[in-house]
Each structure stands twice: as C-alpha cells, then as structure tokens.
C-alpha cells in the first residue's frame, strides 16, 4: 500500500459516536506528513520500551 493508493474510508464506533477516517488526511501529494511536530511525540529506547 502506498500513500497515493485509493483507500476507502473506515467507519468505526456506533450510534452518535460513529466516525469515518479520511484517507490521506494530513499528507501532501507525495504522501508525506504536512503536520510537523506535535505534542504526541513517541520515543523507543534500545530495550524497546516505548515512551
């Protein structure tokens, strides 16, 4: 799968809390993120621990 591939939205949740994904949201024409740094940074150390 590539960023340029056509991907159908995914529906999740139920009732009033049902949402659909937006394929390609936040990506430029080359499939790269245009969001830049966010507050949700993730780091993995040498032992494989995720922070």
PDB file of N, CA and C in Angstrom:
ATOM      1  N   UNK A   1       0.846  -1.172   0.000  1.00  0.00           N
ATOM      2  CA  UNK A   1       0.000   0.000   0.000  1.00  0.00           C
ATOM      3  C   UNK A   1       0.891   1.235   0.000  1.00  0.00           C
ATOM      4  N   UNK A   2       0.534   2.206  -0.800  1.00  0.00           N
ATOM      5  CA  UNK A   2       1.266   3.456  -0.893  1.00  0.00           C
ATOM      6  C   UNK A   2       0.329   4.612  -0.592  1.00  0.00           C
ATOM      7  N   UNK A   3       0.884   5.743  -0.200  1.00  0.00           N
ATOM      8  CA  UNK A   3       0.058   6.907   0.133  1.00  0.00           C
ATOM      9  C   UNK A   3      -0.810   7.333  -1.046  1.00  0.00           C
ATOM     10  N   UNK A   4      -0.327   7.107  -2.265  1.00  0.00           N
ATOM     11  CA  UNK A   4      -1.083   7.522  -3.451  1.00  0.00           C
ATOM     12  C   UNK A   4      -2.209   6.555  -3.804  1.00  0.00           C
ATOM     13  N   UNK A   5      -2.207   5.359  -3.193  1.00  0.00           N
ATOM     14  CA  UNK A   5      -3.259   4.378  -3.472  1.00  0.00           C
ATOM     15  C   UNK A   5      -4.610   4.901  -3.018  1.00  0.00           C
ATOM     16  N   UNK A   6      -5.645   4.549  -3.756  1.00  0.00           N
ATOM     17  CA  UNK A   6      -7.004   4.902  -3.350  1.00  0.00           C
ATOM     18  C   UNK A   6      -7.420   3.960  -2.223  1.00  0.00           C
ATOM     19  N   UNK A   7      -7.790   4.528  -1.097  1.00  0.00           N
ATOM     20  CA  UNK A   7      -8.164   3.750   0.078  1.00  0.00           C
ATOM     21  C   UNK A   7      -9.546   4.187   0.509  1.00  0.00           C
ATOM     22  N   UNK A   8     -10.404   3.225   0.773  1.00  0.00           N
ATOM     23  CA  UNK A   8     -11.759   3.542   1.221  1.00  0.00           C
ATOM     24  C   UNK A   8     -11.734   3.983   2.682  1.00  0.00           C
ATOM     25  N   UNK A   9     -12.602   4.920   3.062  1.00  0.00           N
ATOM     26  CA  UNK A   9     -12.695   5.309   4.468  1.00  0.00           C
ATOM     27  C   UNK A   9     -13.122   4.120   5.319  1.00  0.00           C
ATOM     28  N   UNK A  10     -12.741   4.150   6.571  1.00  0.00           N
ATOM     29  CA  UNK A  10     -13.119   3.106   7.521  1.00  0.00           C
ATOM     30  C   UNK A  10     -14.101   3.715   8.503  1.00  0.00           C
ATOM     31  N   UNK A  11     -15.240   3.068   8.709  1.00  0.00           N
ATOM     32  CA  UNK A  11     -16.237   3.540   9.674  1.00  0.00           C
ATOM     33  C   UNK A  11     -16.022   2.785  10.978  1.00  0.00           C
ATOM     34  N   UNK A  12     -16.024   3.520  12.080  1.00  0.00           N
ATOM     35  CA  UNK A  12     -15.836   2.894  13.388  1.00  0.00           C
ATOM     36  C   UNK A  12     -16.742   3.553  14.413  1.00  0.00           C
ATOM     37  N   UNK A  13     -16.981   2.840  15.494  1.00  0.00           N
ATOM     38  CA  UNK A  13     -17.848   3.343  16.542  1.00  0.00           C
ATOM     39  C   UNK A  13     -19.268   2.870  16.346  1.00  0.00           C
ATOM     40  N   UNK A  14     -20.194   3.493  17.075  1.00  0.00           N
ATOM     41  CA  UNK A  14     -21.610   3.139  16.937  1.00  0.00           C
ATOM     42  C   UNK A  14     -22.477   4.307  17.386  1.00  0.00           C
ATOM     43  N   UNK A  15     -23.694   4.325  16.879  1.00  0.00           N
ATOM     44  CA  UNK A  15     -24.643   5.369  17.250  1.00  0.00           C
ATOM     45  C   UNK A  15     -24.116   6.761  16.966  1.00  0.00           C
ATOM     46  N   UNK A  16     -24.293   7.658  17.950  1.00  0.00           N
ATOM     47  CA  UNK A  16     -23.829   9.033  17.796  1.00  0.00           C
ATOM     48  C   UNK A  16     -22.308   9.138  17.742  1.00  0.00           C
ATOM     49  N   UNK A  17     -21.628   8.103  18.177  1.00  0.00           N
ATOM     50  CA  UNK A  17     -20.163   8.108  18.197  1.00  0.00           C
ATOM     51  C   UNK A  17     -19.604   7.285  17.036  1.00  0.00           C
ATOM     52  N   UNK A  18     -20.190   7.428  15.846  1.00  0.00           N
ATOM     53  CA  UNK A  18     -19.707   6.756  14.645  1.00  0.00           C
ATOM     54  C   UNK A  18     -18.915   7.756  13.817  1.00  0.00           C
ATOM     55  N   UNK A  19     -17.734   7.359  13.412  1.00  0.00           N
ATOM     56  CA  UNK A  19     -16.840   8.242  12.675  1.00  0.00           C
ATOM     57  C   UNK A  19     -16.274   7.515  11.470  1.00  0.00           C
ATOM     58  N   UNK A  20     -15.855   8.268  10.453  1.00  0.00           N
ATOM     59  CA  UNK A  20     -15.173   7.710   9.294  1.00  0.00           C
ATOM     60  C   UNK A  20     -13.795   8.346   9.183  1.00  0.00           C
ATOM     61  N   UNK A  21     -12.811   7.520   8.856  1.00  0.00           N
ATOM     62  CA  UNK A  21     -11.479   8.052   8.605  1.00  0.00           C
ATOM     63  C   UNK A  21     -11.489   8.832   7.295  1.00  0.00           C
ATOM     64  N   UNK A  22     -10.500   9.681   7.119  1.00  0.00           N
ATOM     65  CA  UNK A  22     -10.342  10.442   5.879  1.00  0.00           C
ATOM     66  C   UNK A  22      -8.989  10.033   5.292  1.00  0.00           C
ATOM     67  N   UNK A  23      -8.985   9.052   4.382  1.00  0.00           N
ATOM     68  CA  UNK A  23      -7.716   8.584   3.824  1.00  0.00           C
ATOM     69  C   UNK A  23      -6.902   9.737   3.236  1.00  0.00           C
ATOM     70  N   UNK A  24      -5.636   9.773   3.593  1.00  0.00           N
ATOM     71  CA  UNK A  24      -4.743  10.802   3.076  1.00  0.00           C
ATOM     72  C   UNK A  24      -4.755  12.105   3.843  1.00  0.00           C
ATOM     73  N   UNK A  25      -5.602  12.210   4.871  1.00  0.00           N
ATOM     74  CA  UNK A  25      -5.659  13.453   5.639  1.00  0.00           C
ATOM     75  C   UNK A  25      -4.285  13.732   6.237  1.00  0.00           C
ATOM     76  N   UNK A  26      -3.829  14.959   6.113  1.00  0.00           N
ATOM     77  CA  UNK A  26      -2.550  15.353   6.691  1.00  0.00           C
ATOM     78  C   UNK A  26      -1.346  15.012   5.828  1.00  0.00           C
ATOM     79  N   UNK A  27      -1.572  14.490   4.615  1.00  0.00           N
ATOM     80  CA  UNK A  27      -0.464  14.139   3.731  1.00  0.00           C
ATOM     81  C   UNK A  27      -0.444  15.067   2.529  1.00  0.00           C
ATOM     82  N   UNK A  28       0.764  15.366   2.048  1.00  0.00           N
ATOM     83  CA  UNK A  28       0.866  16.163   0.828  1.00  0.00           C
ATOM     84  C   UNK A  28       0.738  15.245  -0.387  1.00  0.00           C
ATOM     85  N   UNK A  29       0.922  15.777  -1.572  1.00  0.00           N
ATOM     86  CA  UNK A  29       0.778  15.000  -2.792  1.00  0.00           C
ATOM     87  C   UNK A  29       1.774  13.864  -2.933  1.00  0.00           C
ATOM     88  N   UNK A  30       2.876  13.926  -2.173  1.00  0.00           N
ATOM     89  CA  UNK A  30       3.887  12.868  -2.208  1.00  0.00           C
ATOM     90  C   UNK A  30       3.703  11.856  -1.090  1.00  0.00           C
ATOM     91  N   UNK A  31       2.626  11.992  -0.305  1.00  0.00           N
ATOM     92  CA  UNK A  31       2.372  11.062   0.785  1.00  0.00           C
ATOM     93  C   UNK A  31       3.143  11.360   2.050  1.00  0.00           C
ATOM     94  N   UNK A  32       3.747  12.544   2.145  1.00  0.00           N
ATOM     95  CA  UNK A  32       4.497  12.922   3.344  1.00  0.00           C
ATOM     96  C   UNK A  32       3.628  13.769   4.256  1.00  0.00           C
ATOM     97  N   UNK A  33       3.825  13.608   5.563  1.00  0.00           N
ATOM     98  CA  UNK A  33       3.046  14.365   6.536  1.00  0.00           C
ATOM     99  C   UNK A  33       3.328  15.855   6.422  1.00  0.00           C
ATOM    100  N   UNK A  34       2.272  16.649   6.493  1.00  0.00           N
ATOM    101  CA  UNK A  34       2.413  18.103   6.487  1.00  0.00           C
ATOM    102  C   UNK A  34       2.136  18.682   7.874  1.00  0.00           C
ATOM    103  N   UNK A  35       1.966  17.825   8.863  1.00  0.00           N
ATOM    104  CA  UNK A  35       1.605  18.284  10.199  1.00  0.00           C
ATOM    105  C   UNK A  35       2.786  18.825  10.986  1.00  0.00           C
ATOM    106  N   UNK A  36       3.980  18.342  10.738  1.00  0.00           N
ATOM    107  CA  UNK A  36       5.135  18.778  11.507  1.00  0.00           C
ATOM    108  C   UNK A  36       5.091  18.204  12.915  1.00  0.00           C
ATOM    109  N   UNK A  37       5.900  18.734  13.825  1.00  0.00           N
ATOM    110  CA  UNK A  37       5.946  18.219  15.187  1.00  0.00           C
ATOM    111  C   UNK A  37       4.601  18.421  15.901  1.00  0.00           C
ATOM    112  N   UNK A  38       4.241  17.455  16.704  1.00  0.00           N
ATOM    113  CA  UNK A  38       3.020  17.559  17.506  1.00  0.00           C
ATOM    114  C   UNK A  38       3.345  17.231  18.959  1.00  0.00           C
ATOM    115  N   UNK A  39       2.379  17.398  19.830  1.00  0.00           N
ATOM    116  CA  UNK A  39       2.593  17.123  21.250  1.00  0.00           C
ATOM    117  C   UNK A  39       2.619  15.633  21.552  1.00  0.00           C
ATOM    118  N   UNK A  40       2.305  14.794  20.600  1.00  0.00           N
ATOM    119  CA  UNK A  40       2.224  13.347  20.835  1.00  0.00           C
ATOM    120  C   UNK A  40       3.485  12.604  20.458  1.00  0.00           C
ATOM    121  N   UNK A  41       4.645  13.154  20.785  1.00  0.00           N
ATOM    122  CA  UNK A  41       5.904  12.511  20.427  1.00  0.00           C
ATOM    123  C   UNK A  41       6.054  11.143  21.080  1.00  0.00           C
ATOM    124  N   UNK A  42       6.652  10.219  20.356  1.00  0.00           N
ATOM    125  CA  UNK A  42       6.887   8.867  20.852  1.00  0.00           C
ATOM    126  C   UNK A  42       8.364   8.560  20.676  1.00  0.00           C
ATOM    127  N   UNK A  43       8.952   7.920  21.702  1.00  0.00           N
ATOM    128  CA  UNK A  43      10.355   7.535  21.647  1.00  0.00           C
ATOM    129  C   UNK A  43      10.454   6.071  22.033  1.00  0.00           C
ATOM    130  N   UNK A  44      11.315   5.327  21.325  1.00  0.00           N
ATOM    131  CA  UNK A  44      11.584   3.927  21.653  1.00  0.00           C
ATOM    132  C   UNK A  44      13.057   3.828  22.015  1.00  0.00           C
ATOM    133  N   UNK A  45      13.350   3.294  23.229  1.00  0.00           N
ATOM    134  CA  UNK A  45      14.745   3.172  23.641  1.00  0.00           C
ATOM    135  C   UNK A  45      15.364   1.881  23.104  1.00  0.00           C
ATOM    136  N   UNK A  46      16.651   1.665  23.383  1.00  0.00           N
ATOM    137  CA  UNK A  46      17.365   0.493  22.863  1.00  0.00           C
ATOM    138  C   UNK A  46      16.755  -0.824  23.317  1.00  0.00           C
ATOM    139  N   UNK A  47      16.107  -0.822  24.475  1.00  0.00           N
ATOM    140  CA  UNK A  47      15.485  -2.038  25.002  1.00  0.00           C
ATOM    141  C   UNK A  47      14.098  -2.271  24.428  1.00  0.00           C
ATOM    142  N   UNK A  48      13.614  -1.343  23.599  1.00  0.00           N
ATOM    143  CA  UNK A  48      12.290  -1.497  23.006  1.00  0.00           C
ATOM    144  C   UNK A  48      11.166  -0.901  23.831  1.00  0.00           C
ATOM    145  N   UNK A  49      11.509  -0.195  24.915  1.00  0.00           N
ATOM    146  CA  UNK A  49      10.483   0.460  25.726  1.00  0.00           C
ATOM    147  C   UNK A  49       9.960   1.686  24.993  1.00  0.00           C
ATOM    148  N   UNK A  50       8.655   1.878  25.039  1.00  0.00           N
ATOM    149  CA  UNK A  50       8.020   2.997  24.351  1.00  0.00           C
ATOM    150  C   UNK A  50       7.625   4.053  25.371  1.00  0.00           C
ATOM    151  N   UNK A  51       7.994   5.296  25.099  1.00  0.00           N
ATOM    152  CA  UNK A  51       7.683   6.410  25.995  1.00  0.00           C
ATOM    153  C   UNK A  51       6.878   7.454  25.271  1.00  0.00           C
TER     154      UNK A  51
END
